[in-house]
PDB file of N, CA and C in Angstrom:
ATOM      1  N   UNK A   1       0.843  -1.178   0.000  1.00  0.00           N
ATOM      2  CA  UNK A   1       0.000   0.000   0.000  1.00  0.00           C
ATOM      3  C   UNK A   1       0.892   1.246   0.000  1.00  0.00           C
ATOM      4  N   UNK A   2       0.459   2.274  -0.686  1.00  0.00           N
ATOM      5  CA  UNK A   2       1.242   3.495  -0.779  1.00  0.00           C
ATOM      6  C   UNK A   2       1.299   4.217   0.565  1.00  0.00           C
ATOM      7  N   UNK A   3       2.442   4.864   0.813  1.00  0.00           N
ATOM      8  CA  UNK A   3       2.567   5.676   2.024  1.00  0.00           C
ATOM      9  C   UNK A   3       1.710   6.929   1.866  1.00  0.00           C
ATOM     10  N   UNK A   4       1.153   7.387   2.971  1.00  0.00           N
ATOM     11  CA  UNK A   4       0.336   8.605   2.941  1.00  0.00           C
ATOM     12  C   UNK A   4       1.222   9.805   2.651  1.00  0.00           C
ATOM     13  N   UNK A   5       0.786  10.607   1.736  1.00  0.00           N
ATOM     14  CA  UNK A   5       1.512  11.800   1.337  1.00  0.00           C
ATOM     15  C   UNK A   5       0.779  13.010   1.905  1.00  0.00           C
ATOM     16  N   UNK A   6       1.547  13.981   2.376  1.00  0.00           N
ATOM     17  CA  UNK A   6       0.919  15.195   2.900  1.00  0.00           C
ATOM     18  C   UNK A   6       0.265  15.965   1.767  1.00  0.00           C
ATOM     19  N   UNK A   7      -0.911  16.542   2.049  1.00  0.00           N
ATOM     20  CA  UNK A   7      -1.686  17.268   1.041  1.00  0.00           C
ATOM     21  C   UNK A   7      -0.850  18.359   0.392  1.00  0.00           C
ATOM     22  N   UNK A   8      -0.096  19.109   1.200  1.00  0.00           N
ATOM     23  CA  UNK A   8       0.689  20.213   0.648  1.00  0.00           C
ATOM     24  C   UNK A   8       1.839  19.732  -0.240  1.00  0.00           C
ATOM     25  N   UNK A   9       2.212  18.462  -0.130  1.00  0.00           N
ATOM     26  CA  UNK A   9       3.280  17.907  -0.966  1.00  0.00           C
ATOM     27  C   UNK A   9       2.746  17.267  -2.250  1.00  0.00           C
ATOM     28  N   UNK A  10       1.441  17.256  -2.427  1.00  0.00           N
ATOM     29  CA  UNK A  10       0.838  16.630  -3.605  1.00  0.00           C
ATOM     30  C   UNK A  10       0.885  17.566  -4.802  1.00  0.00           C
ATOM     31  N   UNK A  11       0.778  16.982  -5.979  1.00  0.00           N
ATOM     32  CA  UNK A  11       0.696  17.776  -7.202  1.00  0.00           C
ATOM     33  C   UNK A  11      -0.683  18.422  -7.284  1.00  0.00           C
ATOM     34  N   UNK A  12      -0.818  19.401  -8.169  1.00  0.00           N
ATOM     35  CA  UNK A  12      -2.132  20.029  -8.358  1.00  0.00           C
ATOM     36  C   UNK A  12      -3.168  19.005  -8.809  1.00  0.00           C
ATOM     37  N   UNK A  13      -2.765  18.078  -9.665  1.00  0.00           N
ATOM     38  CA  UNK A  13      -3.689  17.037 -10.135  1.00  0.00           C
ATOM     39  C   UNK A  13      -4.145  16.155  -8.977  1.00  0.00           C
ATOM     40  N   UNK A  14      -3.235  15.777  -8.099  1.00  0.00           N
ATOM     41  CA  UNK A  14      -3.604  14.942  -6.946  1.00  0.00           C
ATOM     42  C   UNK A  14      -4.529  15.698  -5.992  1.00  0.00           C
ATOM     43  N   UNK A  15      -4.275  16.981  -5.803  1.00  0.00           N
ATOM     44  CA  UNK A  15      -5.166  17.785  -4.950  1.00  0.00           C
ATOM     45  C   UNK A  15      -6.565  17.867  -5.545  1.00  0.00           C
ATOM     46  N   UNK A  16      -6.649  18.017  -6.854  1.00  0.00           N
ATOM     47  CA  UNK A  16      -7.950  18.061  -7.529  1.00  0.00           C
ATOM     48  C   UNK A  16      -8.665  16.715  -7.348  1.00  0.00           C
ATOM     49  N   UNK A  17      -7.918  15.627  -7.466  1.00  0.00           N
ATOM     50  CA  UNK A  17      -8.501  14.296  -7.274  1.00  0.00           C
ATOM     51  C   UNK A  17      -9.029  14.130  -5.854  1.00  0.00           C
ATOM     52  N   UNK A  18      -8.303  14.632  -4.868  1.00  0.00           N
ATOM     53  CA  UNK A  18      -8.760  14.572  -3.470  1.00  0.00           C
ATOM     54  C   UNK A  18     -10.081  15.312  -3.323  1.00  0.00           C
ATOM     55  N   UNK A  19     -10.184  16.476  -3.945  1.00  0.00           N
ATOM     56  CA  UNK A  19     -11.427  17.247  -3.860  1.00  0.00           C
ATOM     57  C   UNK A  19     -12.579  16.530  -4.572  1.00  0.00           C
ATOM     58  N   UNK A  20     -12.278  15.864  -5.686  1.00  0.00           N
ATOM     59  CA  UNK A  20     -13.334  15.191  -6.452  1.00  0.00           C
ATOM     60  C   UNK A  20     -13.763  13.867  -5.833  1.00  0.00           C
ATOM     61  N   UNK A  21     -12.794  13.074  -5.401  1.00  0.00           N
ATOM     62  CA  UNK A  21     -13.081  11.704  -4.986  1.00  0.00           C
ATOM     63  C   UNK A  21     -12.881  11.431  -3.501  1.00  0.00           C
ATOM     64  N   UNK A  22     -12.155  12.288  -2.805  1.00  0.00           N
ATOM     65  CA  UNK A  22     -11.813  12.027  -1.410  1.00  0.00           C
ATOM     66  C   UNK A  22     -10.508  11.261  -1.272  1.00  0.00           C
ATOM     67  N   UNK A  23      -9.876  10.936  -2.399  1.00  0.00           N
ATOM     68  CA  UNK A  23      -8.593  10.233  -2.438  1.00  0.00           C
ATOM     69  C   UNK A  23      -7.997  10.452  -3.822  1.00  0.00           C
ATOM     70  N   UNK A  24      -6.771  10.015  -4.017  1.00  0.00           N
ATOM     71  CA  UNK A  24      -6.178  10.138  -5.346  1.00  0.00           C
ATOM     72  C   UNK A  24      -6.666   8.976  -6.222  1.00  0.00           C
ATOM     73  N   UNK A  25      -6.509   9.122  -7.516  1.00  0.00           N
ATOM     74  CA  UNK A  25      -6.899   8.043  -8.420  1.00  0.00           C
ATOM     75  C   UNK A  25      -6.068   6.791  -8.166  1.00  0.00           C
ATOM     76  N   UNK A  26      -4.791   6.959  -7.824  1.00  0.00           N
ATOM     77  CA  UNK A  26      -3.939   5.794  -7.512  1.00  0.00           C
ATOM     78  C   UNK A  26      -4.468   5.070  -6.278  1.00  0.00           C
ATOM     79  N   UNK A  27      -4.856   5.822  -5.243  1.00  0.00           N
ATOM     80  CA  UNK A  27      -5.411   5.208  -4.034  1.00  0.00           C
ATOM     81  C   UNK A  27      -6.736   4.517  -4.345  1.00  0.00           C
ATOM     82  N   UNK A  28      -7.542   5.150  -5.206  1.00  0.00           N
ATOM     83  CA  UNK A  28      -8.829   4.576  -5.556  1.00  0.00           C
ATOM     84  C   UNK A  28      -8.636   3.287  -6.352  1.00  0.00           C
ATOM     85  N   UNK A  29      -7.727   3.297  -7.316  1.00  0.00           N
ATOM     86  CA  UNK A  29      -7.474   2.101  -8.121  1.00  0.00           C
ATOM     87  C   UNK A  29      -7.040   0.933  -7.214  1.00  0.00           C
ATOM     88  N   UNK A  30      -6.172   1.230  -6.256  1.00  0.00           N
ATOM     89  CA  UNK A  30      -5.716   0.194  -5.332  1.00  0.00           C
ATOM     90  C   UNK A  30      -6.876  -0.367  -4.516  1.00  0.00           C
ATOM     91  N   UNK A  31      -7.717   0.519  -3.976  1.00  0.00           N
ATOM     92  CA  UNK A  31      -8.855   0.079  -3.167  1.00  0.00           C
ATOM     93  C   UNK A  31      -9.854  -0.714  -4.000  1.00  0.00           C
ATOM     94  N   UNK A  32     -10.135  -0.240  -5.205  1.00  0.00           N
ATOM     95  CA  UNK A  32     -11.090  -0.926  -6.079  1.00  0.00           C
ATOM     96  C   UNK A  32     -10.598  -2.329  -6.408  1.00  0.00           C
ATOM     97  N   UNK A  33      -9.352  -2.429  -6.825  1.00  0.00           N
ATOM     98  CA  UNK A  33      -8.840  -3.713  -7.284  1.00  0.00           C
ATOM     99  C   UNK A  33      -8.614  -4.715  -6.156  1.00  0.00           C
ATOM    100  N   UNK A  34      -8.583  -4.249  -4.919  1.00  0.00           N
ATOM    101  CA  UNK A  34      -8.499  -5.152  -3.764  1.00  0.00           C
ATOM    102  C   UNK A  34      -9.879  -5.604  -3.295  1.00  0.00           C
ATOM    103  N   UNK A  35     -10.909  -4.950  -3.758  1.00  0.00           N
ATOM    104  CA  UNK A  35     -12.267  -5.224  -3.301  1.00  0.00           C
ATOM    105  C   UNK A  35     -12.760  -6.587  -3.775  1.00  0.00           C
ATOM    106  N   UNK A  36     -13.356  -7.330  -2.874  1.00  0.00           N
ATOM    107  CA  UNK A  36     -13.940  -8.626  -3.234  1.00  0.00           C
ATOM    108  C   UNK A  36     -15.129  -8.443  -4.174  1.00  0.00           C
ATOM    109  N   UNK A  37     -15.913  -7.395  -3.973  1.00  0.00           N
ATOM    110  CA  UNK A  37     -17.042  -7.131  -4.868  1.00  0.00           C
ATOM    111  C   UNK A  37     -16.546  -6.924  -6.286  1.00  0.00           C
ATOM    112  N   UNK A  38     -15.483  -6.137  -6.452  1.00  0.00           N
ATOM    113  CA  UNK A  38     -14.912  -5.897  -7.772  1.00  0.00           C
ATOM    114  C   UNK A  38     -14.389  -7.200  -8.373  1.00  0.00           C
ATOM    115  N   UNK A  39     -13.686  -7.978  -7.581  1.00  0.00           N
ATOM    116  CA  UNK A  39     -13.086  -9.220  -8.088  1.00  0.00           C
ATOM    117  C   UNK A  39     -14.121 -10.250  -8.514  1.00  0.00           C
ATOM    118  N   UNK A  40     -15.179 -10.403  -7.713  1.00  0.00           N
ATOM    119  CA  UNK A  40     -16.131 -11.469  -7.975  1.00  0.00           C
ATOM    120  C   UNK A  40     -17.367 -11.038  -8.756  1.00  0.00           C
ATOM    121  N   UNK A  41     -17.720  -9.750  -8.677  1.00  0.00           N
ATOM    122  CA  UNK A  41     -18.942  -9.287  -9.342  1.00  0.00           C
ATOM    123  C   UNK A  41     -18.675  -8.280 -10.458  1.00  0.00           C
ATOM    124  N   UNK A  42     -17.486  -7.709 -10.491  1.00  0.00           N
ATOM    125  CA  UNK A  42     -17.130  -6.802 -11.570  1.00  0.00           C
ATOM    126  C   UNK A  42     -17.325  -5.334 -11.235  1.00  0.00           C
ATOM    127  N   UNK A  43     -16.836  -4.476 -12.133  1.00  0.00           N
ATOM    128  CA  UNK A  43     -16.852  -3.036 -11.876  1.00  0.00           C
ATOM    129  C   UNK A  43     -18.247  -2.428 -11.834  1.00  0.00           C
ATOM    130  N   UNK A  44     -19.174  -2.923 -12.637  1.00  0.00           N
ATOM    131  CA  UNK A  44     -20.524  -2.346 -12.629  1.00  0.00           C
ATOM    132  C   UNK A  44     -21.198  -2.558 -11.270  1.00  0.00           C
ATOM    133  N   UNK A  45     -21.050  -3.744 -10.708  1.00  0.00           N
ATOM    134  CA  UNK A  45     -21.655  -4.022  -9.406  1.00  0.00           C
ATOM    135  C   UNK A  45     -20.981  -3.203  -8.310  1.00  0.00           C
ATOM    136  N   UNK A  46     -19.670  -3.029  -8.430  1.00  0.00           N
ATOM    137  CA  UNK A  46     -18.955  -2.219  -7.441  1.00  0.00           C
ATOM    138  C   UNK A  46     -19.425  -0.765  -7.509  1.00  0.00           C
ATOM    139  N   UNK A  47     -19.581  -0.238  -8.717  1.00  0.00           N
ATOM    140  CA  UNK A  47     -20.082   1.133  -8.884  1.00  0.00           C
ATOM    141  C   UNK A  47     -21.502   1.248  -8.339  1.00  0.00           C
ATOM    142  N   UNK A  48     -22.339   0.244  -8.612  1.00  0.00           N
ATOM    143  CA  UNK A  48     -23.713   0.258  -8.105  1.00  0.00           C
ATOM    144  C   UNK A  48     -23.737   0.263  -6.581  1.00  0.00           C
ATOM    145  N   UNK A  49     -22.816  -0.466  -5.978  1.00  0.00           N
ATOM    146  CA  UNK A  49     -22.721  -0.498  -4.519  1.00  0.00           C
ATOM    147  C   UNK A  49     -22.382   0.887  -3.960  1.00  0.00           C
ATOM    148  N   UNK A  50     -21.455   1.566  -4.608  1.00  0.00           N
ATOM    149  CA  UNK A  50     -21.085   2.919  -4.167  1.00  0.00           C
ATOM    150  C   UNK A  50     -22.261   3.871  -4.346  1.00  0.00           C
ATOM    151  N   UNK A  51     -22.999   3.737  -5.449  1.00  0.00           N
ATOM    152  CA  UNK A  51     -24.167   4.596  -5.667  1.00  0.00           C
ATOM    153  C   UNK A  51     -25.250   4.324  -4.619  1.00  0.00           C
ATOM    154  N   UNK A  52     -25.394   3.068  -4.211  1.00  0.00           N
ATOM    155  CA  UNK A  52     -26.337   2.751  -3.131  1.00  0.00           C
ATOM    156  C   UNK A  52     -25.914   3.415  -1.829  1.00  0.00           C
ATOM    157  N   UNK A  53     -24.607   3.430  -1.565  1.00  0.00           N
ATOM    158  CA  UNK A  53     -24.099   4.119  -0.378  1.00  0.00           C
ATOM    159  C   UNK A  53     -24.421   5.606  -0.445  1.00  0.00           C
ATOM    160  N   UNK A  54     -24.213   6.216  -1.619  1.00  0.00           N
ATOM    161  CA  UNK A  54     -24.505   7.645  -1.782  1.00  0.00           C
ATOM    162  C   UNK A  54     -25.995   7.907  -1.586  1.00  0.00           C
ATOM    163  N   UNK A  55     -26.819   7.007  -2.090  1.00  0.00           N
ATOM    164  CA  UNK A  55     -28.264   7.130  -1.927  1.00  0.00           C
ATOM    165  C   UNK A  55     -28.645   7.119  -0.447  1.00  0.00           C
ATOM    166  N   UNK A  56     -28.038   6.230   0.319  1.00  0.00           N
ATOM    167  CA  UNK A  56     -28.299   6.178   1.759  1.00  0.00           C
ATOM    168  C   UNK A  56     -27.833   7.450   2.462  1.00  0.00           C
ATOM    169  N   UNK A  57     -26.718   8.000   2.000  1.00  0.00           N
ATOM    170  CA  UNK A  57     -26.189   9.226   2.615  1.00  0.00           C
ATOM    171  C   UNK A  57     -27.183  10.372   2.531  1.00  0.00           C
ATOM    172  N   UNK A  58     -27.949  10.418   1.440  1.00  0.00           N
ATOM    173  CA  UNK A  58     -28.887  11.537   1.270  1.00  0.00           C
ATOM    174  C   UNK A  58     -30.327  11.162   1.592  1.00  0.00           C
ATOM    175  N   UNK A  59     -30.555   9.909   1.983  1.00  0.00           N
ATOM    176  CA  UNK A  59     -31.915   9.458   2.279  1.00  0.00           C
ATOM    177  C   UNK A  59     -32.414   9.965   3.625  1.00  0.00           C
ATOM    178  N   UNK A  60     -31.515  10.288   4.513  1.00  0.00           N
ATOM    179  CA  UNK A  60     -31.901  10.655   5.873  1.00  0.00           C
ATOM    180  C   UNK A  60     -31.279  11.990   6.235  1.00  0.00           C
ATOM    181  N   UNK A  61     -32.080  13.038   6.237  1.00  0.00           N
ATOM    182  CA  UNK A  61     -31.542  14.311   6.693  1.00  0.00           C
ATOM    183  C   UNK A  61     -32.046  14.565   8.109  1.00  0.00           C
ATOM    184  N   UNK A  62     -31.271  15.296   8.860  1.00  0.00           N
ATOM    185  CA  UNK A  62     -31.619  15.591  10.249  1.00  0.00           C
ATOM    186  C   UNK A  62     -32.272  16.960  10.322  1.00  0.00           C
ATOM    187  N   UNK A  63     -33.572  16.981  10.485  1.00  0.00           N
ATOM    188  CA  UNK A  63     -34.276  18.236  10.658  1.00  0.00           C
ATOM    189  C   UNK A  63     -34.486  19.040   9.388  1.00  0.00           C
ATOM    190  N   UNK A  64     -34.411  18.415   8.242  1.00  0.00           N
ATOM    191  CA  UNK A  64     -34.720  19.117   7.004  1.00  0.00           C
ATOM    192  C   UNK A  64     -33.544  19.774   6.309  1.00  0.00           C
ATOM    193  N   UNK A  65     -32.351  19.690   6.891  1.00  0.00           N
ATOM    194  CA  UNK A  65     -31.184  20.271   6.217  1.00  0.00           C
ATOM    195  C   UNK A  65     -30.033  19.282   6.272  1.00  0.00           C
ATOM    196  N   UNK A  66     -29.361  19.148   5.166  1.00  0.00           N
ATOM    197  CA  UNK A  66     -28.188  18.286   5.105  1.00  0.00           C
ATOM    198  C   UNK A  66     -26.968  19.097   5.498  1.00  0.00           C
ATOM    199  N   UNK A  67     -26.048  18.459   6.194  1.00  0.00           N
ATOM    200  CA  UNK A  67     -24.803  19.136   6.516  1.00  0.00           C
ATOM    201  C   UNK A  67     -23.927  19.172   5.269  1.00  0.00           C
ATOM    202  N   UNK A  68     -22.977  20.076   5.242  1.00  0.00           N
ATOM    203  CA  UNK A  68     -22.038  20.164   4.129  1.00  0.00           C
ATOM    204  C   UNK A  68     -21.342  18.833   3.929  1.00  0.00           C
ATOM    205  N   UNK A  69     -20.950  18.174   5.014  1.00  0.00           N
ATOM    206  CA  UNK A  69     -20.206  16.922   4.903  1.00  0.00           C
ATOM    207  C   UNK A  69     -21.080  15.798   4.346  1.00  0.00           C
ATOM    208  N   UNK A  70     -22.365  15.770   4.681  1.00  0.00           N
ATOM    209  CA  UNK A  70     -23.258  14.764   4.102  1.00  0.00           C
ATOM    210  C   UNK A  70     -23.316  14.918   2.582  1.00  0.00           C
ATOM    211  N   UNK A  71     -23.482  16.138   2.148  1.00  0.00           N
ATOM    212  CA  UNK A  71     -23.565  16.419   0.714  1.00  0.00           C
ATOM    213  C   UNK A  71     -22.229  16.120   0.044  1.00  0.00           C
ATOM    214  N   UNK A  72     -21.141  16.547   0.653  1.00  0.00           N
ATOM    215  CA  UNK A  72     -19.808  16.336   0.089  1.00  0.00           C
ATOM    216  C   UNK A  72     -19.472  14.847   0.006  1.00  0.00           C
ATOM    217  N   UNK A  73     -19.776  14.089   1.040  1.00  0.00           N
ATOM    218  CA  UNK A  73     -19.519  12.647   1.022  1.00  0.00           C
ATOM    219  C   UNK A  73     -20.309  11.961  -0.089  1.00  0.00           C
ATOM    220  N   UNK A  74     -21.577  12.333  -0.250  1.00  0.00           N
ATOM    221  CA  UNK A  74     -22.401  11.748  -1.307  1.00  0.00           C
ATOM    222  C   UNK A  74     -21.876  12.148  -2.687  1.00  0.00           C
ATOM    223  N   UNK A  75     -21.485  13.393  -2.859  1.00  0.00           N
ATOM    224  CA  UNK A  75     -20.953  13.866  -4.133  1.00  0.00           C
ATOM    225  C   UNK A  75     -19.679  13.112  -4.505  1.00  0.00           C
ATOM    226  N   UNK A  76     -18.777  12.950  -3.537  1.00  0.00           N
ATOM    227  CA  UNK A  76     -17.533  12.234  -3.802  1.00  0.00           C
ATOM    228  C   UNK A  76     -17.797  10.758  -4.106  1.00  0.00           C
ATOM    229  N   UNK A  77     -18.759  10.159  -3.427  1.00  0.00           N
ATOM    230  CA  UNK A  77     -19.107   8.761  -3.699  1.00  0.00           C
ATOM    231  C   UNK A  77     -19.607   8.611  -5.133  1.00  0.00           C
ATOM    232  N   UNK A  78     -20.456   9.532  -5.573  1.00  0.00           N
ATOM    233  CA  UNK A  78     -20.952   9.469  -6.949  1.00  0.00           C
ATOM    234  C   UNK A  78     -19.810   9.659  -7.945  1.00  0.00           C
ATOM    235  N   UNK A  79     -18.878  10.541  -7.641  1.00  0.00           N
ATOM    236  CA  UNK A  79     -17.710  10.715  -8.513  1.00  0.00           C
ATOM    237  C   UNK A  79     -16.861   9.452  -8.571  1.00  0.00           C
ATOM    238  N   UNK A  80     -16.708   8.759  -7.431  1.00  0.00           N
ATOM    239  CA  UNK A  80     -15.951   7.502  -7.425  1.00  0.00           C
ATOM    240  C   UNK A  80     -16.642   6.452  -8.295  1.00  0.00           C
ATOM    241  N   UNK A  81     -17.967   6.365  -8.203  1.00  0.00           N
ATOM    242  CA  UNK A  81     -18.716   5.401  -9.020  1.00  0.00           C
ATOM    243  C   UNK A  81     -18.548   5.719 -10.504  1.00  0.00           C
ATOM    244  N   UNK A  82     -18.625   6.980 -10.870  1.00  0.00           N
ATOM    245  CA  UNK A  82     -18.439   7.360 -12.274  1.00  0.00           C
ATOM    246  C   UNK A  82     -17.028   7.025 -12.735  1.00  0.00           C
ATOM    247  N   UNK A  83     -16.032   7.273 -11.888  1.00  0.00           N
ATOM    248  CA  UNK A  83     -14.643   6.963 -12.243  1.00  0.00           C
ATOM    249  C   UNK A  83     -14.498   5.471 -12.532  1.00  0.00           C
ATOM    250  N   UNK A  84     -15.114   4.632 -11.699  1.00  0.00           N
ATOM    251  CA  UNK A  84     -15.041   3.185 -11.911  1.00  0.00           C
ATOM    252  C   UNK A  84     -15.675   2.812 -13.246  1.00  0.00           C
ATOM    253  N   UNK A  85     -16.847   3.360 -13.531  1.00  0.00           N
ATOM    254  CA  UNK A  85     -17.507   3.061 -14.798  1.00  0.00           C
ATOM    255  C   UNK A  85     -16.665   3.511 -15.981  1.00  0.00           C
ATOM    256  N   UNK A  86     -16.156   4.730 -15.935  1.00  0.00           N
ATOM    257  CA  UNK A  86     -15.350   5.255 -17.044  1.00  0.00           C
ATOM    258  C   UNK A  86     -14.030   4.501 -17.185  1.00  0.00           C
ATOM    259  N   UNK A  87     -13.405   4.157 -16.070  1.00  0.00           N
ATOM    260  CA  UNK A  87     -12.084   3.526 -16.104  1.00  0.00           C
ATOM    261  C   UNK A  87     -12.151   2.058 -16.487  1.00  0.00           C
ATOM    262  N   UNK A  88     -13.086   1.320 -15.917  1.00  0.00           N
ATOM    263  CA  UNK A  88     -13.095  -0.123 -16.102  1.00  0.00           C
ATOM    264  C   UNK A  88     -14.091  -0.617 -17.146  1.00  0.00           C
ATOM    265  N   UNK A  89     -15.127   0.147 -17.425  1.00  0.00           N
ATOM    266  CA  UNK A  89     -16.119  -0.323 -18.407  1.00  0.00           C
ATOM    267  C   UNK A  89     -15.982   0.391 -19.747  1.00  0.00           C
ATOM    268  N   UNK A  90     -16.014   1.690 -19.738  1.00  0.00           N
ATOM    269  CA  UNK A  90     -16.006   2.421 -21.005  1.00  0.00           C
ATOM    270  C   UNK A  90     -14.660   2.319 -21.718  1.00  0.00           C
ATOM    271  N   UNK A  91     -13.555   2.362 -20.980  1.00  0.00           N
ATOM    272  CA  UNK A  91     -12.251   2.216 -21.628  1.00  0.00           C
ATOM    273  C   UNK A  91     -12.081   0.794 -22.140  1.00  0.00           C
ATOM    274  N   UNK A  92     -12.689  -0.161 -21.459  1.00  0.00           N
ATOM    275  CA  UNK A  92     -12.634  -1.535 -21.913  1.00  0.00           C
ATOM    276  C   UNK A  92     -13.356  -1.737 -23.233  1.00  0.00           C
ATOM    277  N   UNK A  93     -14.444  -0.950 -23.455  1.00  0.00           N
ATOM    278  CA  UNK A  93     -15.174  -1.024 -24.720  1.00  0.00           C
ATOM    279  C   UNK A  93     -14.358  -0.489 -25.885  1.00  0.00           C
ATOM    280  N   UNK A  94     -13.456   0.454 -25.577  1.00  0.00           N
ATOM    281  CA  UNK A  94     -12.673   1.092 -26.630  1.00  0.00           C
ATOM    282  C   UNK A  94     -11.551   0.196 -27.136  1.00  0.00           C
ATOM    283  N   UNK A  95     -11.213  -0.836 -26.375  1.00  0.00           N
ATOM    284  CA  UNK A  95     -10.088  -1.708 -26.745  1.00  0.00           C
ATOM    285  C   UNK A  95     -10.477  -2.744 -27.767  1.00  0.00           C
TER     286      UNK A  95
END
């Protein structure tokens, strides 16, 4: 597993990835490819699982307003699911 890198030592691209996904693309690729769901059910099922998690994140608001972190976590989860679809399914179609 990669050593944790300090945010201020990251490249601009890595910082953008952190804002979009909550981790770098390299960290995400490592986590995805280690996942049992990905290994046994494939990338579409793994993406669907992440989208279900995002759905749960926004299904329950406390008192009618979502916190910034609830919204941000759901947004990043949806971005991770899209990355998986684009990286493992759509690029595979192009080959």
